[in-house]
Protein backbone atom coordinates (compact mmCIF):
# COMPACT_ATOMS: atom_id res chain seq x y z
CA UNK A 1 115.59 -22.06 97.68
CA UNK A 2 115.31 -19.62 94.67
CA UNK A 3 112.70 -22.02 93.21
CA UNK A 4 110.77 -22.17 96.34
CA UNK A 5 110.50 -18.37 96.20
CA UNK A 6 109.65 -18.05 92.59
CA UNK A 7 106.12 -19.29 93.10
CA UNK A 8 104.78 -16.85 95.66
CA UNK A 9 106.52 -13.99 93.66
CA UNK A 10 104.81 -15.21 90.54
CA UNK A 11 101.65 -15.48 92.18
CA UNK A 12 101.69 -12.04 93.61
CA UNK A 13 102.70 -10.57 90.32
CA UNK A 14 99.58 -12.35 88.75
CA UNK A 15 97.31 -11.15 91.46
CA UNK A 16 98.60 -7.50 90.92
CA UNK A 17 97.78 -7.87 87.24
CA UNK A 18 94.37 -9.22 87.74
CA UNK A 19 93.67 -6.60 90.34
CA UNK A 20 94.68 -4.16 87.72
CA UNK A 21 92.45 -5.67 85.14
CA UNK A 22 89.67 -5.78 87.42
CA UNK A 23 90.24 -2.04 88.10
CA UNK A 24 90.25 -1.27 84.32
CA UNK A 25 86.96 -3.03 83.85
CA UNK A 26 85.52 -1.32 86.68
CA UNK A 27 86.57 2.14 85.60
CA UNK A 28 85.23 1.46 82.08
CA UNK A 29 81.93 0.13 83.87
CA UNK A 30 81.79 3.31 85.83
CA UNK A 31 82.30 5.64 82.80
CA UNK A 32 79.49 4.12 81.21
CA UNK A 33 77.13 4.18 84.17
CA UNK A 34 74.20 6.24 83.66
CA UNK A 35 74.58 6.62 79.98
CA UNK A 36 71.67 5.51 77.90
CA UNK A 37 71.96 7.31 74.53
CA UNK A 38 74.11 5.36 72.15
CA UNK A 39 76.55 8.11 71.10
CA UNK A 40 77.27 8.96 74.87
CA UNK A 41 77.91 5.26 75.45
CA UNK A 42 80.30 5.01 72.56
CA UNK A 43 82.46 8.11 73.15
CA UNK A 44 82.62 7.45 76.95
CA UNK A 45 83.67 3.92 76.43
CA UNK A 46 86.12 4.66 73.82
CA UNK A 47 87.96 7.44 75.86
CA UNK A 48 87.93 5.23 78.93
CA UNK A 49 89.50 2.45 77.25
CA UNK A 50 92.17 4.59 75.71
CA UNK A 51 92.73 6.22 78.97
CA UNK A 52 93.27 3.07 81.04
CA UNK A 53 95.10 1.20 78.23
CA UNK A 54 97.46 4.22 77.75
CA UNK A 55 96.66 4.39 73.77
CA UNK A 56 96.24 7.60 71.83
CA UNK A 57 94.00 6.54 68.97
CA UNK A 58 90.89 4.36 68.50
CA UNK A 59 87.74 3.97 66.66
CA UNK A 60 84.46 2.06 66.98
CA UNK A 61 82.52 0.70 64.08
CA UNK A 62 79.09 -0.48 64.43
CA UNK A 63 77.30 -2.90 62.16
CA UNK A 64 74.97 -1.03 59.80
CA UNK A 65 73.81 -3.36 57.24
CA UNK A 66 74.13 -7.18 56.31
CA UNK A 67 74.21 -7.81 52.62
CA UNK A 68 74.41 -11.02 50.77
CA UNK A 69 78.40 -11.47 50.95
CA UNK A 70 79.52 -8.69 53.20
CA UNK A 71 78.67 -6.58 56.24
CA UNK A 72 78.84 -2.81 56.04
CA UNK A 73 80.03 -1.11 59.25
CA UNK A 74 80.01 2.66 60.10
CA UNK A 75 82.25 4.62 62.09
CA UNK A 76 80.32 5.51 65.28
CA UNK A 77 83.12 6.95 67.66
CA UNK A 78 86.75 7.87 67.22
CA UNK A 79 89.61 9.57 68.97
CA UNK A 80 92.92 10.87 67.49
CA UNK A 81 92.09 11.36 64.09
CA UNK A 82 91.93 14.44 61.80
CA UNK A 83 88.71 15.66 60.45
CA UNK A 84 89.95 14.80 56.89
CA UNK A 85 90.95 11.40 57.98
CA UNK A 86 87.66 10.79 59.45
CA UNK A 87 85.97 11.21 56.08
CA UNK A 88 88.27 8.75 54.44
CA UNK A 89 87.49 6.02 57.00
CA UNK A 90 83.82 6.49 57.47
CA UNK A 91 82.51 3.17 56.29
CA UNK A 92 84.20 -0.52 56.51
CA UNK A 93 83.25 -3.57 54.21
CA UNK A 94 83.95 -6.85 55.88
CA UNK A 95 83.26 -10.26 54.45
CA UNK A 96 80.06 -11.81 55.70
CA UNK A 97 81.53 -15.27 56.47
CA UNK A 98 84.00 -13.33 59.03
CA UNK A 99 80.94 -12.63 61.36
CA UNK A 100 81.01 -16.06 62.98
CA UNK A 101 84.70 -15.97 63.42
CA UNK A 102 84.54 -12.60 65.28
CA UNK A 103 81.92 -13.89 67.36
CA UNK A 104 83.07 -17.37 68.30
CA UNK A 105 86.69 -18.07 67.28
CA UNK A 106 88.67 -15.16 67.27
CA UNK A 107 87.18 -11.87 69.04
CA UNK A 108 90.64 -10.41 69.61
CA UNK A 109 93.02 -10.02 66.82
CA UNK A 110 96.48 -8.21 66.82
CA UNK A 111 97.27 -6.72 63.32
CA UNK A 112 99.93 -4.83 61.42
CA UNK A 113 98.80 -1.35 60.08
CA UNK A 114 99.30 -3.01 56.46
CA UNK A 115 96.14 -5.08 57.13
CA UNK A 116 94.03 -2.10 57.31
CA UNK A 117 91.85 -1.25 54.31
CA UNK A 118 92.64 2.73 54.40
CA UNK A 119 95.86 3.68 52.93
CA UNK A 120 95.68 7.27 54.31
CA UNK A 121 95.39 5.54 57.79
CA UNK A 122 98.36 3.33 57.21
CA UNK A 123 100.50 6.47 56.66
CA UNK A 124 99.32 8.23 59.56
CA UNK A 125 100.01 5.32 61.83
CA UNK A 126 103.55 5.12 60.26
CA UNK A 127 104.17 8.66 60.83
CA UNK A 128 103.27 8.05 64.55
CA UNK A 129 105.45 5.08 64.64
CA UNK A 130 102.63 2.79 65.42
CA UNK A 131 103.47 -0.81 64.41
CA UNK A 132 100.53 -2.76 65.70
CA UNK A 133 96.85 -2.37 66.26
CA UNK A 134 94.31 -4.55 68.17
CA UNK A 135 90.76 -5.31 66.73
CA UNK A 136 88.14 -6.35 69.20
CA UNK A 137 84.90 -7.65 68.37
CA UNK A 138 81.96 -6.03 70.07
CA UNK A 139 79.43 -8.86 71.02
CA UNK A 140 76.74 -9.98 73.22
CA UNK A 141 75.83 -13.59 73.92
CA UNK A 142 73.59 -13.55 70.88
CA UNK A 143 74.80 -11.36 68.27
CA UNK A 144 77.73 -9.33 66.79
CA UNK A 145 77.48 -5.62 66.88
CA UNK A 146 80.69 -4.02 65.79
CA UNK A 147 84.49 -3.78 65.94
CA UNK A 148 86.69 -1.65 68.15
CA UNK A 149 90.28 -0.70 66.88
CA UNK A 150 92.94 0.67 69.19
CA UNK A 151 96.57 1.19 68.48
CA UNK A 152 99.09 -1.11 70.72
CA UNK A 153 101.83 1.17 71.45
CA UNK A 154 103.67 2.84 74.15
CA UNK A 155 104.93 1.33 77.51
CA UNK A 156 101.73 -0.60 78.18
CA UNK A 157 101.68 -2.83 75.07
CA UNK A 158 99.11 -5.78 75.38
CA UNK A 159 100.04 -9.27 74.42
CA UNK A 160 98.26 -12.48 73.91
CA UNK A 161 98.40 -13.20 77.74
CA UNK A 162 95.92 -10.21 77.93
CA UNK A 163 93.29 -11.67 75.40
CA UNK A 164 90.73 -12.42 78.20
CA UNK A 165 90.75 -8.68 79.30
CA UNK A 166 90.34 -7.52 75.80
CA UNK A 167 87.60 -10.20 75.15
CA UNK A 168 85.66 -8.91 78.28
CA UNK A 169 85.98 -5.38 77.35
CA UNK A 170 84.35 -6.30 74.05
CA UNK A 171 81.71 -8.11 75.69
CA UNK A 172 81.01 -5.42 78.27
CA UNK A 173 80.84 -2.71 75.53
CA UNK A 174 78.77 -4.78 73.45
CA UNK A 175 76.05 -5.31 76.32
CA UNK A 176 76.32 -1.63 76.89
CA UNK A 177 75.77 -0.78 73.18
CA UNK A 178 72.83 -3.36 72.91
CA UNK A 179 71.14 -1.67 75.98
CA UNK A 180 71.59 1.89 74.55
CA UNK A 181 70.38 0.69 71.13
CA UNK A 182 67.20 -0.77 72.78
CA UNK A 183 66.90 2.43 74.63
CA UNK A 184 67.03 4.75 71.64
CA UNK A 185 64.66 2.23 69.88
CA UNK A 186 62.09 2.67 72.56
CA UNK A 187 62.64 6.45 72.56
CA UNK A 188 62.22 6.38 68.73
CA UNK A 189 58.95 4.49 68.79
CA UNK A 190 57.79 6.56 71.73
CA UNK A 191 58.48 9.70 69.52
CA UNK A 192 56.74 8.39 66.45
CA UNK A 193 53.64 7.38 68.50
CA UNK A 194 53.77 10.93 69.92
CA UNK A 195 53.92 12.48 66.65
CA UNK A 196 51.18 10.11 65.19
CA UNK A 197 48.91 10.72 67.99
CA UNK A 198 49.10 14.49 67.51
CA UNK A 199 48.98 14.33 63.93
CA UNK A 200 45.42 12.82 63.93
CA UNK A 201 43.01 15.55 62.95
CA UNK A 202 40.18 14.42 65.29
CA UNK A 203 39.91 14.82 68.98
CA UNK A 204 41.20 11.96 70.98
CA UNK A 205 41.09 11.44 74.89
CA UNK A 206 42.37 8.86 77.29
CA UNK A 207 40.05 8.47 80.15
CA UNK A 208 40.85 6.57 83.13
CA UNK A 209 38.48 4.31 85.42
CA UNK A 210 37.78 7.23 87.60
CA UNK A 211 36.16 9.35 84.60
CA UNK A 212 39.46 11.56 84.69
CA UNK A 213 41.18 12.79 81.46
CA UNK A 214 44.65 11.30 81.49
CA UNK A 215 45.91 12.58 78.12
CA UNK A 216 44.36 14.43 75.04
CA UNK A 217 45.99 15.04 71.52
CA UNK A 218 46.85 18.26 69.89
CA UNK A 219 43.55 18.62 67.90
CA UNK A 220 41.60 18.20 71.19
CA UNK A 221 43.58 21.24 72.47
CA UNK A 222 42.38 23.12 69.52
CA UNK A 223 38.81 22.30 70.06
CA UNK A 224 38.59 22.19 73.78
CA UNK A 225 41.40 24.26 75.19
CA UNK A 226 44.79 23.76 76.71
CA UNK A 227 45.76 20.32 77.91
CA UNK A 228 46.74 21.74 81.35
CA UNK A 229 43.20 22.88 81.83
CA UNK A 230 41.90 19.38 80.86
CA UNK A 231 44.25 16.66 82.33
CA UNK A 232 42.79 15.19 85.63
CA UNK A 233 39.48 16.92 85.05
CA UNK A 234 36.20 14.79 84.76
CA UNK A 235 35.71 14.12 80.99
CA UNK A 236 31.95 15.04 81.25
CA UNK A 237 32.78 18.65 82.30
CA UNK A 238 34.98 18.86 79.35
CA UNK A 239 33.41 17.22 76.58
CA UNK A 240 29.72 17.91 77.39
CA UNK A 241 29.75 20.74 79.90
CA UNK A 242 27.60 18.43 82.12
CA UNK A 243 28.35 16.82 85.42
CA UNK A 244 26.96 13.44 84.66
CA UNK A 245 27.46 11.29 81.03
CA UNK A 246 24.54 11.65 78.98
CA UNK A 247 22.40 8.46 77.95
CA UNK A 248 24.33 7.82 74.78
CA UNK A 249 27.86 8.34 76.11
CA UNK A 250 30.13 5.76 74.64
CA UNK A 251 32.92 6.23 77.27
CA UNK A 252 30.57 5.35 79.98
CA UNK A 253 29.36 2.35 78.11
CA UNK A 254 33.07 1.37 77.58
CA UNK A 255 33.98 1.80 81.23
CA UNK A 256 30.86 -0.52 82.25
CA UNK A 257 31.20 -3.18 79.56
CA UNK A 258 35.04 -3.01 78.76
CA UNK A 259 34.26 -3.43 75.03
CA UNK A 260 34.70 -1.44 71.80
CA UNK A 261 31.87 0.84 70.97
CA UNK A 262 30.73 3.05 68.11
CA UNK A 263 27.79 5.51 68.10
CA UNK A 264 26.87 8.54 65.84
CA UNK A 265 24.47 11.27 66.03
CA UNK A 266 24.69 15.11 67.24
CA UNK A 267 27.25 16.14 69.59
CA UNK A 268 25.71 17.12 73.15
CA UNK A 269 27.95 20.23 73.08
CA UNK A 270 28.63 21.25 69.50
CA UNK A 271 25.60 19.92 67.48
CA UNK A 272 26.20 18.95 64.05
CA UNK A 273 26.69 15.20 63.29
CA UNK A 274 29.68 13.24 64.68
CA UNK A 275 31.00 9.62 64.84
CA UNK A 276 31.97 8.45 68.31
CA UNK A 277 34.28 5.65 69.18
CA UNK A 278 35.40 4.10 72.51
CA UNK A 279 38.07 1.35 72.90
CA UNK A 280 38.96 -0.28 76.07
CA UNK A 281 42.69 -0.51 77.26
CA UNK A 282 43.11 -3.69 79.24
CA UNK A 283 46.38 -4.35 81.40
CA UNK A 284 48.04 -8.03 81.22
CA UNK A 285 45.49 -9.47 83.75
CA UNK A 286 42.52 -8.27 81.62
CA UNK A 287 41.54 -5.27 83.87
CA UNK A 288 40.17 -2.32 82.35
CA UNK A 289 42.88 0.49 82.93
CA UNK A 290 41.81 3.37 80.48
CA UNK A 291 39.49 4.15 77.54
CA UNK A 292 40.62 5.62 74.38
CA UNK A 293 37.80 7.96 73.22
CA UNK A 294 37.72 9.28 69.60
CA UNK A 295 35.24 11.72 68.02
CA UNK A 296 35.07 12.56 64.24
CA UNK A 297 33.08 15.53 63.12
CA UNK A 298 31.25 14.13 60.13
CA UNK A 299 28.87 17.30 59.82
CA UNK A 300 30.17 18.17 56.27
CA UNK A 301 30.47 14.70 54.98
CA UNK A 302 26.84 14.07 56.03
CA UNK A 303 25.72 17.34 54.25
CA UNK A 304 27.60 16.27 51.02
CA UNK A 305 26.05 12.62 51.31
CA UNK A 306 22.53 14.36 51.79
CA UNK A 307 23.30 16.57 48.59
CA UNK A 308 24.33 13.59 46.55
CA UNK A 309 21.29 11.55 47.61
CA UNK A 310 19.32 14.72 46.76
CA UNK A 311 20.84 15.03 43.42
CA UNK A 312 19.99 11.32 42.58
CA UNK A 313 16.39 11.94 43.70
CA UNK A 314 16.07 15.01 41.62
CA UNK A 315 17.42 13.18 38.42
CA UNK A 316 15.10 10.25 38.78
CA UNK A 317 12.18 12.39 39.63
CA UNK A 318 13.01 14.74 36.54
CA UNK A 319 12.82 11.87 34.27
CA UNK A 320 9.40 10.90 35.71
CA UNK A 321 8.09 14.47 35.67
CA UNK A 322 9.05 15.13 32.01
CA UNK A 323 6.81 12.13 30.99
CA UNK A 324 4.00 13.04 33.24
CA UNK A 325 4.10 16.57 32.23
CA UNK A 326 3.92 15.89 28.41
CA UNK A 327 0.92 13.42 29.18
CA UNK A 328 -0.92 16.31 30.89
CA UNK A 329 -0.05 19.01 28.47
CA UNK A 330 -1.63 17.19 25.46
CA UNK A 331 -5.15 16.84 26.86
CA UNK A 332 -4.74 20.25 28.52
CA UNK A 333 -4.23 22.03 25.32
CA UNK A 334 -7.34 20.36 23.93
CA UNK A 335 -9.55 21.43 26.91
CA UNK A 336 -8.26 24.95 26.62
CA UNK A 337 -8.95 25.14 22.81
CA UNK A 338 -12.47 23.75 23.43
CA UNK A 339 -13.29 25.92 26.46
CA UNK A 340 -12.41 28.94 24.44
CA UNK A 341 -14.46 28.00 21.22
CA UNK A 342 -17.50 27.24 23.33
CA UNK A 343 -17.12 30.50 25.11
CA UNK A 344 -17.24 32.26 21.66
CA UNK A 345 -19.99 30.16 20.04
CA UNK A 346 -22.83 29.87 22.74
CA UNK A 347 -24.68 32.57 24.52
CA UNK A 348 -23.99 32.82 28.17
CA UNK A 349 -25.30 34.81 30.90
CA UNK A 350 -23.08 36.73 33.25
CA UNK A 351 -22.64 33.97 35.80
CA UNK A 352 -21.87 31.37 33.17
CA UNK A 353 -19.47 33.67 31.41
CA UNK A 354 -17.73 33.96 34.93
CA UNK A 355 -17.43 30.26 35.30
CA UNK A 356 -15.79 29.90 31.82
CA UNK A 357 -13.29 32.64 32.66
CA UNK A 358 -12.55 30.85 35.89
CA UNK A 359 -12.09 27.52 33.91
CA UNK A 360 -9.79 29.21 31.35
CA UNK A 361 -7.73 30.93 34.20
CA UNK A 362 -7.27 27.47 36.22
CA UNK A 363 -6.30 25.74 32.87
CA UNK A 364 -3.64 28.44 32.37
CA UNK A 365 -2.56 27.90 36.09
CA UNK A 366 -2.20 24.03 35.41
CA UNK A 367 -0.16 24.73 32.33
CA UNK A 368 2.24 27.22 34.25
CA UNK A 369 2.83 24.37 36.63
CA UNK A 370 3.47 21.96 33.88
CA UNK A 371 6.06 24.60 32.35
CA UNK A 372 7.71 24.50 35.76
CA UNK A 373 7.78 20.69 35.93
CA UNK A 374 9.31 20.64 32.42
CA UNK A 375 11.84 23.23 33.35
CA UNK A 376 12.72 21.29 36.46
CA UNK A 377 13.02 18.07 34.35
CA UNK A 378 14.92 19.51 31.44
CA UNK A 379 16.40 22.78 32.24
CA UNK A 380 18.24 24.58 29.43
CA UNK A 381 22.12 24.39 29.66
CA UNK A 382 23.72 27.45 31.29
CA UNK A 383 25.81 29.91 29.33
CA UNK A 384 28.99 30.19 31.49
CA UNK A 385 30.60 33.70 31.36
CA UNK A 386 32.59 35.58 33.85
CA UNK A 387 30.18 37.67 36.15
CA UNK A 388 30.15 39.27 39.71
CA UNK A 389 27.87 37.99 42.29
CA UNK A 390 27.42 41.33 43.61
CA UNK A 391 25.87 42.37 40.31
CA UNK A 392 23.39 39.60 40.49
CA UNK A 393 22.49 40.65 43.96
CA UNK A 394 21.92 44.23 42.92
CA UNK A 395 20.08 43.17 39.69
CA UNK A 396 17.74 41.12 41.81
CA UNK A 397 17.29 43.74 44.51
CA UNK A 398 16.20 46.17 41.77
CA UNK A 399 13.44 43.74 40.38
CA UNK A 400 12.20 43.01 44.04
CA UNK A 401 11.82 46.75 44.98
CA UNK A 402 8.16 47.00 44.62
CA UNK A 403 7.46 43.61 46.43
CA UNK A 404 9.85 44.61 49.15
CA UNK A 405 8.12 47.82 49.60
CA UNK A 406 4.59 46.43 49.82
CA UNK A 407 5.64 43.81 52.28
CA UNK A 408 7.29 46.31 54.32
CA UNK A 409 10.70 44.46 54.26
CA UNK A 410 13.96 46.46 54.91
CA UNK A 411 16.91 45.28 53.00
CA UNK A 412 20.50 45.33 54.22
CA UNK A 413 23.12 44.77 51.51
CA UNK A 414 26.57 43.79 52.89
CA UNK A 415 28.59 42.86 49.70
CA UNK A 416 32.44 42.42 50.04
CA UNK A 417 34.52 44.06 47.53
CA UNK A 418 37.24 41.48 47.22
CA UNK A 419 35.05 38.77 45.43
CA UNK A 420 36.57 37.53 42.22
CA UNK A 421 34.48 37.17 39.06
CA UNK A 422 32.54 33.80 38.91
CA UNK A 423 32.12 31.79 35.68
CA UNK A 424 28.41 31.44 35.79
CA UNK A 425 25.15 31.86 33.82
CA UNK A 426 23.98 35.42 34.98
CA UNK A 427 20.11 34.69 34.26
CA UNK A 428 20.07 31.27 36.09
CA UNK A 429 22.02 32.46 39.16
CA UNK A 430 19.66 35.41 39.35
CA UNK A 431 16.72 32.91 39.16
CA UNK A 432 18.07 31.47 42.24
CA UNK A 433 18.50 34.74 44.07
CA UNK A 434 15.29 36.06 43.15
CA UNK A 435 13.49 32.91 44.32
CA UNK A 436 15.26 33.35 47.76
CA UNK A 437 14.31 36.82 47.94
CA UNK A 438 10.72 36.22 47.23
CA UNK A 439 10.66 33.25 49.65
CA UNK A 440 12.05 35.49 52.37
CA UNK A 441 9.38 38.09 51.80
CA UNK A 442 6.52 35.37 52.03
CA UNK A 443 8.09 34.40 55.23
CA UNK A 444 7.95 37.89 56.73
CA UNK A 445 4.19 38.39 56.06
CA UNK A 446 4.37 41.22 58.97
CA UNK A 447 7.43 42.99 57.55
CA UNK A 448 10.81 42.29 58.67
CA UNK A 449 14.49 42.77 57.80
CA UNK A 450 16.46 40.91 54.98
CA UNK A 451 20.26 40.77 54.93
CA UNK A 452 21.97 40.04 51.80
CA UNK A 453 25.67 39.28 52.37
CA UNK A 454 28.59 38.27 50.06
CA UNK A 455 32.12 37.48 51.22
CA UNK A 456 35.21 35.61 50.16
CA UNK A 457 36.54 32.70 52.21
CA UNK A 458 39.80 31.33 52.27
CA UNK A 459 39.37 27.72 54.20
CA UNK A 460 38.15 26.33 51.94
CA UNK A 461 38.63 29.00 48.95
CA UNK A 462 35.05 29.94 47.87
CA UNK A 463 32.83 32.93 47.41
CA UNK A 464 29.79 32.71 49.69
CA UNK A 465 26.29 34.57 49.40
CA UNK A 466 23.96 34.72 52.31
CA UNK A 467 20.25 35.75 52.55
CA UNK A 468 19.16 36.04 56.10
CA UNK A 469 15.51 36.86 57.18
CA UNK A 470 13.78 37.62 60.38
CA UNK A 471 10.82 35.52 59.73
CA UNK A 472 9.57 32.42 62.01
CA UNK A 473 12.08 30.10 60.65
CA UNK A 474 11.83 26.58 59.30
CA UNK A 475 10.13 23.81 61.30
CA UNK A 476 12.68 21.05 62.30
CA UNK A 477 10.79 18.41 60.43
CA UNK A 478 10.76 20.45 57.19
CA UNK A 479 14.55 21.07 57.23
CA UNK A 480 15.34 17.77 55.34
CA UNK A 481 12.51 18.18 52.90
CA UNK A 482 12.59 21.87 51.94
CA UNK A 483 14.62 21.23 48.80
CA UNK A 484 12.45 18.15 47.67
CA UNK A 485 10.44 18.64 44.52
CA UNK A 486 6.76 19.64 45.15
CA UNK A 487 7.23 20.01 48.93
CA UNK A 488 5.64 23.29 50.06
CA UNK A 489 3.53 24.65 52.81
CA UNK A 490 2.30 27.57 50.70
CA UNK A 491 -1.48 27.32 49.68
CA UNK A 492 -0.65 28.45 46.14
CA UNK A 493 2.94 27.01 45.94
CA UNK A 494 4.16 24.50 43.61
CA UNK A 495 7.25 23.26 45.77
CA UNK A 496 9.64 23.57 42.69
CA UNK A 497 11.47 26.85 43.30
CA UNK A 498 14.14 25.47 45.63
CA UNK A 499 14.57 22.28 43.80
CA UNK A 500 15.14 24.14 40.74
CA UNK A 501 17.52 26.56 42.43
CA UNK A 502 19.50 23.58 43.78
CA UNK A 503 19.72 22.06 40.24
CA UNK A 504 20.90 25.17 38.85
CA UNK A 505 23.67 25.49 41.59
CA UNK A 506 24.74 21.87 41.10
CA UNK A 507 25.41 22.70 37.42
CA UNK A 508 27.46 25.57 38.64
CA UNK A 509 29.60 23.29 40.92
CA UNK A 510 28.05 25.42 43.69
CA UNK A 511 25.64 24.00 46.66
CA UNK A 512 23.08 25.65 49.00
CA UNK A 513 22.52 25.12 52.59
CA UNK A 514 19.96 26.04 55.13
CA UNK A 515 20.61 27.39 58.78
CA UNK A 516 17.33 28.13 60.75
CA UNK A 517 16.22 28.26 64.41
CA UNK A 518 12.48 28.39 64.93
CA UNK A 519 11.29 31.73 65.83
CA UNK A 520 14.67 33.26 64.97
CA UNK A 521 14.48 33.49 60.96
CA UNK A 522 16.39 31.52 58.25
CA UNK A 523 19.50 31.67 56.58
CA UNK A 524 20.18 30.38 53.01
CA UNK A 525 23.81 29.96 52.09
CA UNK A 526 25.20 29.64 48.63
CA UNK A 527 28.61 28.62 48.27
CA UNK A 528 30.66 28.80 45.00
CA UNK A 529 33.99 27.04 45.52
CA UNK A 530 36.93 28.70 43.73
CA UNK A 531 39.04 26.86 41.11
CA UNK A 532 42.80 26.72 42.16
CA UNK A 533 43.81 29.43 39.71
CA UNK A 534 41.60 32.00 41.48
CA UNK A 535 42.85 31.15 44.97
């Protein structure tokens, strides 16, 4: 009879234990519910395990690095250790070949403290009267993630018959760790993408198929305004200040054709010179969802390219001009000599005498032009010395006083006091400034105002000289030719003044630019970049 009752009693005991184990697993799972960040998962899991198994100390190590012959694991969560002891057990090295054993053959192992690598930890466990620890592999169906160590002491010591429970705990925690690592990996990738998106120094817009702005980067906010004022708005209103796309709009073309596009030219809103890009974003079915729009301000790069091209043309033309000038100058000298000899040796009436004088005058005019050509082709080397740009301006202003007064031109000098000295050839830079002043006087044939301004700029570091007149301005078709040699619209001009000026400035490491609106005058801007030691 006793034997007959033993079966049901044993079954009830087994059922109670299974129920308790299920409750432990459920409680651990509940503790992890809603945790996505790895550190939260680890700490909550460890505390849940220690609480439900009634153990006072535990540690979780995660696989950090797999080396040739060993694995490096790092302490990721712990409970029951002093701060000093934690520093001693921060890293754990395990043989590489044991990885397969943890994963397949022996995921749960009971160990005496003497098997631990850390002497100080052994002493601590001895002081606590702990004679056994349990090592549980943290695994998923595909990989080994780390190790869980708990002390096996107190009234609820676990033996070999609880192996499946401990194995299940290791698997459950392993899956939670993998999910948290995946979540953090996605979050990290998202953060890196956000940083990269905002770090791009050009405006980027994401536009949906309804032509609404979906997202912008930080540079776009600096150019167009706050993101909150742009998101959801029609992109044409923000980018162009228009209700409808303009004819060359790459966004509209990309929305229509769902293919990458690139165009360049003036910006419809800002002017200048821009590169425009549009890239389609397709969903897995191949349907267009958004357009990535990217615009790059290439105005300064284009100006630099034009200056370099101009410099190459000037160099080639200078070589050619020098040869031509010499070929003209030799016969011209003979003509001039013979004309003066004839004028002295033959009797001429008043009309003939005037004809000879006109001929000599024109020969001298041709010689002056040839001299300018030679100066353009082979200018003398500048004598670089420290000088103030304001002194150059005042010097040229004094020289031009008579011309300014005769032309009824008022001069406004706005000279900054904080401009540092520039290493330059005073006479050559004066030649540039004088040429710009005389050009301004000729442009204001009915009088006007000439404003000469100097200032120090910090971004980029430079000293800038500006001469602005109130003349008729420069024709649009002349803007790209005004610095070309021999280009002029003056009846008596040679077209070399601005070319020589530009050549002089290039030898000084400076450059000249033109801003002009037809009917509103012209501004010539000379920029002297500052060396690092003067910044």
